[in-house]
């Protein structure tokens, strides 16, 4: 499978996590859209600790929720 972010071909065990379309830092929503087996665990982790943290803390949307 190919990760949609790093574009690397990886084996299926590298795709255990779920990529949330709407970051969980904005809240936990019933039936939140997620991407299954499209984002490798490494990219999902990197985005989770960098980009999603910034969205959740340093934006108007994240700061007001």
PDB file of N, CA and C in Angstrom:
ATOM      1  N   UNK A   1       0.835  -1.181   0.000  1.00  0.00           N
ATOM      2  CA  UNK A   1       0.000   0.000   0.000  1.00  0.00           C
ATOM      3  C   UNK A   1       0.877   1.241   0.000  1.00  0.00           C
ATOM      4  N   UNK A   2       0.323   2.323  -0.501  1.00  0.00           N
ATOM      5  CA  UNK A   2       1.070   3.576  -0.566  1.00  0.00           C
ATOM      6  C   UNK A   2       0.430   4.602   0.371  1.00  0.00           C
ATOM      7  N   UNK A   3       1.257   5.227   1.206  1.00  0.00           N
ATOM      8  CA  UNK A   3       0.800   6.285   2.105  1.00  0.00           C
ATOM      9  C   UNK A   3       0.482   7.532   1.282  1.00  0.00           C
ATOM     10  N   UNK A   4      -0.634   8.187   1.595  1.00  0.00           N
ATOM     11  CA  UNK A   4      -1.020   9.367   0.822  1.00  0.00           C
ATOM     12  C   UNK A   4      -0.168  10.595   1.142  1.00  0.00           C
ATOM     13  N   UNK A   5       0.606  10.546   2.228  1.00  0.00           N
ATOM     14  CA  UNK A   5       1.453  11.686   2.582  1.00  0.00           C
ATOM     15  C   UNK A   5       2.901  11.505   2.130  1.00  0.00           C
ATOM     16  N   UNK A   6       3.540  10.426   2.542  1.00  0.00           N
ATOM     17  CA  UNK A   6       4.958  10.234   2.187  1.00  0.00           C
ATOM     18  C   UNK A   6       5.124   9.543   0.836  1.00  0.00           C
ATOM     19  N   UNK A   7       4.047   8.986   0.308  1.00  0.00           N
ATOM     20  CA  UNK A   7       4.023   8.300  -0.990  1.00  0.00           C
ATOM     21  C   UNK A   7       4.921   7.073  -1.052  1.00  0.00           C
ATOM     22  N   UNK A   8       5.296   6.522   0.113  1.00  0.00           N
ATOM     23  CA  UNK A   8       6.114   5.323   0.158  1.00  0.00           C
ATOM     24  C   UNK A   8       5.229   4.085   0.134  1.00  0.00           C
ATOM     25  N   UNK A   9       5.696   3.065  -0.563  1.00  0.00           N
ATOM     26  CA  UNK A   9       5.032   1.763  -0.551  1.00  0.00           C
ATOM     27  C   UNK A   9       5.445   1.050   0.732  1.00  0.00           C
ATOM     28  N   UNK A  10       4.451   0.604   1.507  1.00  0.00           N
ATOM     29  CA  UNK A  10       4.741  -0.072   2.770  1.00  0.00           C
ATOM     30  C   UNK A  10       3.818  -1.267   2.919  1.00  0.00           C
ATOM     31  N   UNK A  11       4.234  -2.188   3.767  1.00  0.00           N
ATOM     32  CA  UNK A  11       3.427  -3.372   4.042  1.00  0.00           C
ATOM     33  C   UNK A  11       2.239  -2.995   4.926  1.00  0.00           C
ATOM     34  N   UNK A  12       1.200  -3.797   4.899  1.00  0.00           N
ATOM     35  CA  UNK A  12      -0.023  -3.488   5.646  1.00  0.00           C
ATOM     36  C   UNK A  12       0.170  -3.329   7.157  1.00  0.00           C
ATOM     37  N   UNK A  13       1.142  -4.017   7.822  1.00  0.00           N
ATOM     38  CA  UNK A  13       1.312  -3.763   9.260  1.00  0.00           C
ATOM     39  C   UNK A  13       1.716  -2.321   9.587  1.00  0.00           C
ATOM     40  N   UNK A  14       2.140  -1.553   8.611  1.00  0.00           N
ATOM     41  CA  UNK A  14       2.522  -0.151   8.831  1.00  0.00           C
ATOM     42  C   UNK A  14       1.308   0.774   8.800  1.00  0.00           C
ATOM     43  N   UNK A  15       0.115   0.231   8.652  1.00  0.00           N
ATOM     44  CA  UNK A  15      -1.101   1.030   8.539  1.00  0.00           C
ATOM     45  C   UNK A  15      -2.115   0.622   9.612  1.00  0.00           C
ATOM     46  N   UNK A  16      -1.672   0.552  10.852  1.00  0.00           N
ATOM     47  CA  UNK A  16      -2.550   0.108  11.939  1.00  0.00           C
ATOM     48  C   UNK A  16      -3.448   1.225  12.459  1.00  0.00           C
ATOM     49  N   UNK A  17      -2.964   2.449  12.439  1.00  0.00           N
ATOM     50  CA  UNK A  17      -3.720   3.564  12.995  1.00  0.00           C
ATOM     51  C   UNK A  17      -4.790   4.088  12.065  1.00  0.00           C
ATOM     52  N   UNK A  18      -5.557   5.048  12.573  1.00  0.00           N
ATOM     53  CA  UNK A  18      -6.591   5.705  11.775  1.00  0.00           C
ATOM     54  C   UNK A  18      -6.273   7.193  11.709  1.00  0.00           C
ATOM     55  N   UNK A  19      -6.409   7.764  10.559  1.00  0.00           N
ATOM     56  CA  UNK A  19      -6.204   9.196  10.365  1.00  0.00           C
ATOM     57  C   UNK A  19      -7.568   9.867  10.466  1.00  0.00           C
ATOM     58  N   UNK A  20      -7.722  10.745  11.444  1.00  0.00           N
ATOM     59  CA  UNK A  20      -8.986  11.458  11.616  1.00  0.00           C
ATOM     60  C   UNK A  20      -9.025  12.669  10.687  1.00  0.00           C
ATOM     61  N   UNK A  21     -10.076  12.779   9.908  1.00  0.00           N
ATOM     62  CA  UNK A  21     -10.237  13.918   9.004  1.00  0.00           C
ATOM     63  C   UNK A  21     -10.352  15.196   9.819  1.00  0.00           C
ATOM     64  N   UNK A  22     -11.164  15.172  10.850  1.00  0.00           N
ATOM     65  CA  UNK A  22     -11.287  16.286  11.792  1.00  0.00           C
ATOM     66  C   UNK A  22     -10.500  15.887  13.036  1.00  0.00           C
ATOM     67  N   UNK A  23      -9.417  16.586  13.360  1.00  0.00           N
ATOM     68  CA  UNK A  23      -8.566  16.181  14.475  1.00  0.00           C
ATOM     69  C   UNK A  23      -9.354  16.010  15.770  1.00  0.00           C
ATOM     70  N   UNK A  24      -8.970  15.019  16.569  1.00  0.00           N
ATOM     71  CA  UNK A  24      -9.638  14.789  17.841  1.00  0.00           C
ATOM     72  C   UNK A  24      -9.451  15.953  18.803  1.00  0.00           C
ATOM     73  N   UNK A  25      -8.483  16.813  18.560  1.00  0.00           N
ATOM     74  CA  UNK A  25      -8.303  17.979  19.423  1.00  0.00           C
ATOM     75  C   UNK A  25      -9.490  18.936  19.324  1.00  0.00           C
ATOM     76  N   UNK A  26     -10.275  18.821  18.259  1.00  0.00           N
ATOM     77  CA  UNK A  26     -11.492  19.630  18.114  1.00  0.00           C
ATOM     78  C   UNK A  26     -12.675  18.968  18.799  1.00  0.00           C
ATOM     79  N   UNK A  27     -12.507  17.756  19.273  1.00  0.00           N
ATOM     80  CA  UNK A  27     -13.570  17.032  19.959  1.00  0.00           C
ATOM     81  C   UNK A  27     -13.716  15.631  19.399  1.00  0.00           C
ATOM     82  N   UNK A  28     -14.441  14.820  20.130  1.00  0.00           N
ATOM     83  CA  UNK A  28     -14.736  13.456  19.660  1.00  0.00           C
ATOM     84  C   UNK A  28     -16.176  13.449  19.197  1.00  0.00           C
ATOM     85  N   UNK A  29     -16.347  13.163  17.930  1.00  0.00           N
ATOM     86  CA  UNK A  29     -17.660  13.219  17.318  1.00  0.00           C
ATOM     87  C   UNK A  29     -18.119  11.835  16.910  1.00  0.00           C
ATOM     88  N   UNK A  30     -19.393  11.599  17.064  1.00  0.00           N
ATOM     89  CA  UNK A  30     -19.968  10.332  16.634  1.00  0.00           C
ATOM     90  C   UNK A  30     -19.828  10.233  15.119  1.00  0.00           C
ATOM     91  N   UNK A  31     -19.358   9.092  14.659  1.00  0.00           N
ATOM     92  CA  UNK A  31     -19.175   8.833  13.223  1.00  0.00           C
ATOM     93  C   UNK A  31     -18.199   9.805  12.559  1.00  0.00           C
ATOM     94  N   UNK A  32     -17.155  10.218  13.292  1.00  0.00           N
ATOM     95  CA  UNK A  32     -16.126  11.085  12.721  1.00  0.00           C
ATOM     96  C   UNK A  32     -15.466  10.354  11.548  1.00  0.00           C
ATOM     97  N   UNK A  33     -15.258  11.055  10.469  1.00  0.00           N
ATOM     98  CA  UNK A  33     -14.643  10.453   9.296  1.00  0.00           C
ATOM     99  C   UNK A  33     -13.182  10.119   9.582  1.00  0.00           C
ATOM    100  N   UNK A  34     -12.783   8.920   9.192  1.00  0.00           N
ATOM    101  CA  UNK A  34     -11.395   8.493   9.338  1.00  0.00           C
ATOM    102  C   UNK A  34     -10.948   7.810   8.049  1.00  0.00           C
ATOM    103  N   UNK A  35      -9.653   7.862   7.827  1.00  0.00           N
ATOM    104  CA  UNK A  35      -9.058   7.165   6.691  1.00  0.00           C
ATOM    105  C   UNK A  35      -8.422   5.884   7.217  1.00  0.00           C
ATOM    106  N   UNK A  36      -8.843   4.759   6.706  1.00  0.00           N
ATOM    107  CA  UNK A  36      -8.289   3.472   7.101  1.00  0.00           C
ATOM    108  C   UNK A  36      -7.330   2.987   6.021  1.00  0.00           C
ATOM    109  N   UNK A  37      -6.151   2.601   6.440  1.00  0.00           N
ATOM    110  CA  UNK A  37      -5.128   2.045   5.558  1.00  0.00           C
ATOM    111  C   UNK A  37      -4.764   2.984   4.414  1.00  0.00           C
ATOM    112  N   UNK A  38      -4.729   4.272   4.685  1.00  0.00           N
ATOM    113  CA  UNK A  38      -4.324   5.261   3.680  1.00  0.00           C
ATOM    114  C   UNK A  38      -3.136   6.093   4.152  1.00  0.00           C
ATOM    115  N   UNK A  39      -2.940   6.169   5.470  1.00  0.00           N
ATOM    116  CA  UNK A  39      -1.847   6.955   6.050  1.00  0.00           C
ATOM    117  C   UNK A  39      -1.013   6.009   6.913  1.00  0.00           C
ATOM    118  N   UNK A  40       0.291   5.948   6.634  1.00  0.00           N
ATOM    119  CA  UNK A  40       1.149   5.053   7.412  1.00  0.00           C
ATOM    120  C   UNK A  40       1.251   5.549   8.859  1.00  0.00           C
ATOM    121  N   UNK A  41       1.565   4.641   9.757  1.00  0.00           N
ATOM    122  CA  UNK A  41       1.628   4.983  11.178  1.00  0.00           C
ATOM    123  C   UNK A  41       2.663   6.069  11.466  1.00  0.00           C
ATOM    124  N   UNK A  42       3.767   6.062  10.736  1.00  0.00           N
ATOM    125  CA  UNK A  42       4.809   7.070  10.948  1.00  0.00           C
ATOM    126  C   UNK A  42       4.279   8.466  10.608  1.00  0.00           C
ATOM    127  N   UNK A  43       3.647   8.624   9.454  1.00  0.00           N
ATOM    128  CA  UNK A  43       3.093   9.925   9.066  1.00  0.00           C
ATOM    129  C   UNK A  43       1.948  10.332   9.988  1.00  0.00           C
ATOM    130  N   UNK A  44       1.106   9.376  10.359  1.00  0.00           N
ATOM    131  CA  UNK A  44       0.001   9.666  11.254  1.00  0.00           C
ATOM    132  C   UNK A  44       0.524  10.196  12.587  1.00  0.00           C
ATOM    133  N   UNK A  45       1.584   9.596  13.092  1.00  0.00           N
ATOM    134  CA  UNK A  45       2.189  10.045  14.348  1.00  0.00           C
ATOM    135  C   UNK A  45       2.782  11.450  14.201  1.00  0.00           C
ATOM    136  N   UNK A  46       3.522  11.665  13.133  1.00  0.00           N
ATOM    137  CA  UNK A  46       4.154  12.977  12.917  1.00  0.00           C
ATOM    138  C   UNK A  46       3.101  14.074  12.814  1.00  0.00           C
ATOM    139  N   UNK A  47       2.051  13.840  12.032  1.00  0.00           N
ATOM    140  CA  UNK A  47       0.994  14.841  11.908  1.00  0.00           C
ATOM    141  C   UNK A  47       0.266  15.029  13.230  1.00  0.00           C
ATOM    142  N   UNK A  48       0.085  13.950  13.976  1.00  0.00           N
ATOM    143  CA  UNK A  48      -0.615  14.037  15.251  1.00  0.00           C
ATOM    144  C   UNK A  48       0.114  14.871  16.284  1.00  0.00           C
ATOM    145  N   UNK A  49       1.442  14.805  16.315  1.00  0.00           N
ATOM    146  CA  UNK A  49       2.189  15.545  17.336  1.00  0.00           C
ATOM    147  C   UNK A  49       2.635  16.926  16.869  1.00  0.00           C
ATOM    148  N   UNK A  50       2.488  17.216  15.590  1.00  0.00           N
ATOM    149  CA  UNK A  50       2.915  18.531  15.090  1.00  0.00           C
ATOM    150  C   UNK A  50       1.722  19.328  14.583  1.00  0.00           C
ATOM    151  N   UNK A  51       1.257  19.011  13.431  1.00  0.00           N
ATOM    152  CA  UNK A  51       0.222  19.774  12.751  1.00  0.00           C
ATOM    153  C   UNK A  51      -1.081  19.833  13.545  1.00  0.00           C
ATOM    154  N   UNK A  52      -1.552  18.694  14.044  1.00  0.00           N
ATOM    155  CA  UNK A  52      -2.814  18.678  14.780  1.00  0.00           C
ATOM    156  C   UNK A  52      -2.700  19.407  16.108  1.00  0.00           C
ATOM    157  N   UNK A  53      -1.532  19.370  16.737  1.00  0.00           N
ATOM    158  CA  UNK A  53      -1.329  20.110  17.980  1.00  0.00           C
ATOM    159  C   UNK A  53      -1.418  21.608  17.719  1.00  0.00           C
ATOM    160  N   UNK A  54      -0.811  22.064  16.641  1.00  0.00           N
ATOM    161  CA  UNK A  54      -0.874  23.484  16.286  1.00  0.00           C
ATOM    162  C   UNK A  54      -2.310  23.889  15.996  1.00  0.00           C
ATOM    163  N   UNK A  55      -3.035  23.076  15.237  1.00  0.00           N
ATOM    164  CA  UNK A  55      -4.438  23.376  14.944  1.00  0.00           C
ATOM    165  C   UNK A  55      -5.280  23.439  16.213  1.00  0.00           C
ATOM    166  N   UNK A  56      -5.012  22.542  17.127  1.00  0.00           N
ATOM    167  CA  UNK A  56      -5.793  22.461  18.352  1.00  0.00           C
ATOM    168  C   UNK A  56      -5.498  23.559  19.357  1.00  0.00           C
ATOM    169  N   UNK A  57      -4.319  24.134  19.313  1.00  0.00           N
ATOM    170  CA  UNK A  57      -3.931  25.112  20.330  1.00  0.00           C
ATOM    171  C   UNK A  57      -3.748  26.522  19.790  1.00  0.00           C
ATOM    172  N   UNK A  58      -3.255  26.650  18.583  1.00  0.00           N
ATOM    173  CA  UNK A  58      -2.836  27.963  18.104  1.00  0.00           C
ATOM    174  C   UNK A  58      -3.681  28.534  16.977  1.00  0.00           C
ATOM    175  N   UNK A  59      -4.924  28.095  16.867  1.00  0.00           N
ATOM    176  CA  UNK A  59      -5.816  28.665  15.857  1.00  0.00           C
ATOM    177  C   UNK A  59      -7.088  29.141  16.542  1.00  0.00           C
ATOM    178  N   UNK A  60      -7.801  30.000  15.885  1.00  0.00           N
ATOM    179  CA  UNK A  60      -9.066  30.475  16.430  1.00  0.00           C
ATOM    180  C   UNK A  60     -10.026  29.314  16.636  1.00  0.00           C
ATOM    181  N   UNK A  61     -10.077  28.407  15.646  1.00  0.00           N
ATOM    182  CA  UNK A  61     -10.981  27.282  15.748  1.00  0.00           C
ATOM    183  C   UNK A  61     -10.645  26.392  16.941  1.00  0.00           C
ATOM    184  N   UNK A  62      -9.378  26.114  17.138  1.00  0.00           N
ATOM    185  CA  UNK A  62      -8.960  25.253  18.228  1.00  0.00           C
ATOM    186  C   UNK A  62      -9.055  25.924  19.578  1.00  0.00           C
ATOM    187  N   UNK A  63      -8.788  27.208  19.625  1.00  0.00           N
ATOM    188  CA  UNK A  63      -8.807  27.939  20.883  1.00  0.00           C
ATOM    189  C   UNK A  63     -10.200  28.231  21.416  1.00  0.00           C
ATOM    190  N   UNK A  64     -11.191  28.190  20.551  1.00  0.00           N
ATOM    191  CA  UNK A  64     -12.544  28.528  20.985  1.00  0.00           C
ATOM    192  C   UNK A  64     -13.393  27.318  21.311  1.00  0.00           C
ATOM    193  N   UNK A  65     -12.873  26.122  21.060  1.00  0.00           N
ATOM    194  CA  UNK A  65     -13.680  24.926  21.326  1.00  0.00           C
ATOM    195  C   UNK A  65     -13.474  24.418  22.722  1.00  0.00           C
TER     196      UNK A  65
END
